[in-house]
Each structure stands twice: as C-alpha cells, then as structure tokens.
Amino acid sequence: MPLVKNIAGRLARTNFAAAAIADGADLSVLKARPPGRVWLGIALVVAGNLVGAPGIALCAFLAYYWDTPRIIVVGGPVLLVVAHLLFLSGIYIAGGRYVKVVFRWLTRVVLEKLA
C-alpha cells in the first residue's frame, strides 16, 4: 500500500486534483434540468446504439437469407462507421460539460479514500 499512497500523493499535488479537493467537487450540476442540447446528444447516442448491433445482425440475416455475402461485407463496416459517428457526436454534444464535473468528483473521492 505504500506505493499506492505515494502515487495518490503525487496525483493530489497536480493542479486538477488539488483544485478538485480544495473546491470539494460534487455532482450538484447534474441535479439541474438538462438543456435541449443534452437531450439531442442523448438521442444521438441512442441512435448510434440502435444502428450498431441490430443493424449488423439485420445485415447478417439478409446476407444469409438472400445468399449474398456482399451485404454483410459492405454493409457491416458502413453501419459500424455510421454507428460510431452517431455515438461520438452524441457524446461530444451532450457530455462536454458533464464529463469534467464527473471526473473532478471522481478524482476527489478516490484521492480522499487513498490518502
């Protein structure tokens, strides 16, 4: 455990961690009603998940049913790219503000438990 405490002590001296501990970072920002931009981002994340695995499964089924493997060979990668673009754009739109809040809170909680 001395190694873990040593690493935690070094991390606690960084600007980000020191500010998180000094400010008493909490999750109170998440209690407020999210703006429309966040809802749009969440919708894009959900759309990305709906396009991903079910779309690949549908392509695989159609390729097997019609005996044309080109459907999965071409459609699979295209659907994966589209699903990832939807997911990542949704995270970018919805999460920028909240990710920092959660990381500050998590940093404070972890370093306080380890110190």
Protein backbone atom coordinates (compact mmCIF):
# COMPACT_ATOMS: atom_id res chain seq x y z
CA MET A 1 0.00 0.00 0.00
CA PRO A 2 2.84 2.50 0.43
CA LEU A 3 3.26 2.57 -3.35
CA VAL A 4 -0.44 3.36 -3.86
CA LYS A 5 -0.33 6.10 -1.22
CA ASN A 6 2.79 7.54 -2.84
CA ILE A 7 1.11 7.64 -6.25
CA ALA A 8 -2.06 9.12 -4.73
CA GLY A 9 0.01 11.80 -3.00
CA ARG A 10 1.73 12.73 -6.25
CA LEU A 11 -1.59 12.86 -8.09
CA ALA A 12 -3.09 15.02 -5.36
CA ARG A 13 -0.39 17.63 -5.99
CA THR A 14 -1.43 18.13 -9.64
CA ASN A 15 -3.40 21.28 -10.42
CA PHE A 16 -6.54 19.37 -11.44
CA ALA A 17 -6.63 17.17 -8.34
CA ALA A 18 -5.69 19.97 -5.96
CA ALA A 19 -8.48 22.16 -7.33
CA ALA A 20 -10.98 19.28 -7.12
CA ILE A 21 -10.10 18.60 -3.48
CA ALA A 22 -9.98 22.29 -2.50
CA ASP A 23 -13.33 23.07 -4.14
CA GLY A 24 -14.98 19.97 -2.74
CA ALA A 25 -16.09 18.87 -6.19
CA ASP A 26 -19.59 17.42 -6.15
CA LEU A 27 -22.29 16.36 -8.60
CA SER A 28 -24.79 19.13 -7.86
CA VAL A 29 -24.67 20.29 -11.50
CA LEU A 30 -26.32 17.03 -12.52
CA LYS A 31 -29.42 17.82 -10.44
CA ALA A 32 -30.49 20.66 -12.73
CA ARG A 33 -32.76 20.00 -15.70
CA PRO A 34 -30.57 19.38 -18.76
CA PRO A 35 -30.83 21.77 -21.71
CA GLY A 36 -32.06 20.73 -25.16
CA ARG A 37 -28.51 20.24 -26.40
CA VAL A 38 -28.01 17.44 -23.88
CA TRP A 39 -31.23 15.74 -24.98
CA LEU A 40 -30.08 15.93 -28.60
CA GLY A 41 -26.78 14.33 -27.64
CA ILE A 42 -28.55 11.56 -25.73
CA ALA A 43 -30.80 10.92 -28.75
CA LEU A 44 -27.73 10.61 -30.99
CA VAL A 45 -26.10 8.16 -28.57
CA VAL A 46 -29.27 6.05 -28.50
CA ALA A 47 -29.50 6.19 -32.31
CA GLY A 48 -25.88 5.05 -32.58
CA ASN A 49 -26.61 2.07 -30.35
CA LEU A 50 -29.74 1.20 -32.32
CA VAL A 51 -27.90 1.37 -35.64
CA GLY A 52 -24.88 -0.63 -34.42
CA ALA A 53 -25.56 -4.19 -33.28
CA PRO A 54 -29.14 -4.58 -34.57
CA GLY A 55 -28.08 -3.21 -37.97
CA ILE A 56 -25.19 -5.65 -38.20
CA ALA A 57 -27.49 -8.51 -37.17
CA LEU A 58 -30.01 -7.49 -39.84
CA CYS A 59 -27.25 -7.32 -42.47
CA ALA A 60 -26.02 -10.77 -41.44
CA PHE A 61 -29.54 -12.21 -41.58
CA LEU A 62 -30.23 -10.71 -45.00
CA ALA A 63 -26.85 -11.88 -46.33
CA TYR A 64 -27.65 -15.41 -45.18
CA TYR A 65 -31.28 -15.34 -46.32
CA TRP A 66 -30.53 -13.99 -49.82
CA ASP A 67 -27.22 -15.89 -50.05
CA THR A 68 -25.30 -12.72 -50.89
CA PRO A 69 -22.37 -12.23 -48.51
CA ARG A 70 -21.65 -8.84 -50.06
CA ILE A 71 -24.42 -7.40 -47.91
CA ILE A 72 -22.50 -8.07 -44.70
CA VAL A 73 -19.09 -7.43 -46.26
CA VAL A 74 -20.07 -3.94 -47.41
CA GLY A 75 -22.97 -3.09 -45.12
CA GLY A 76 -21.33 -4.21 -41.88
CA PRO A 77 -18.40 -1.79 -41.92
CA VAL A 78 -20.60 1.04 -43.22
CA LEU A 79 -23.08 0.53 -40.38
CA LEU A 80 -20.26 0.37 -37.84
CA VAL A 81 -18.82 3.67 -39.07
CA VAL A 82 -22.26 5.32 -39.03
CA ALA A 83 -22.98 3.96 -35.52
CA HIS A 84 -19.65 5.21 -34.20
CA LEU A 85 -20.11 8.64 -35.76
CA LEU A 86 -23.58 8.96 -34.21
CA PHE A 87 -22.34 7.77 -30.82
CA LEU A 88 -19.26 10.00 -30.72
CA SER A 89 -21.11 13.08 -31.97
CA GLY A 90 -23.78 12.48 -29.32
CA ILE A 91 -21.15 12.25 -26.60
CA TYR A 92 -19.46 15.40 -27.89
CA ILE A 93 -22.72 17.35 -27.96
CA ALA A 94 -24.14 16.11 -24.66
CA GLY A 95 -21.19 15.33 -22.48
CA GLY A 96 -18.55 18.01 -22.67
CA ARG A 97 -19.74 19.91 -19.64
CA TYR A 98 -20.69 16.92 -17.55
CA VAL A 99 -17.62 14.78 -18.15
CA LYS A 100 -15.38 17.32 -16.43
CA VAL A 101 -17.75 17.53 -13.45
CA VAL A 102 -17.83 13.75 -13.05
CA PHE A 103 -14.03 13.42 -13.41
CA ARG A 104 -13.41 16.15 -10.82
CA TRP A 105 -15.79 14.46 -8.37
CA LEU A 106 -14.28 11.03 -9.04
CA THR A 107 -10.75 12.38 -8.59
CA ARG A 108 -11.68 13.97 -5.26
CA VAL A 109 -13.43 10.84 -3.97
CA VAL A 110 -10.66 8.44 -4.99
CA LEU A 111 -7.82 10.59 -3.67
CA GLU A 112 -9.59 11.21 -0.37
CA LYS A 113 -10.08 7.48 0.12
CA LEU A 114 -6.49 6.65 -0.79
CA ALA A 115 -4.86 9.45 1.22
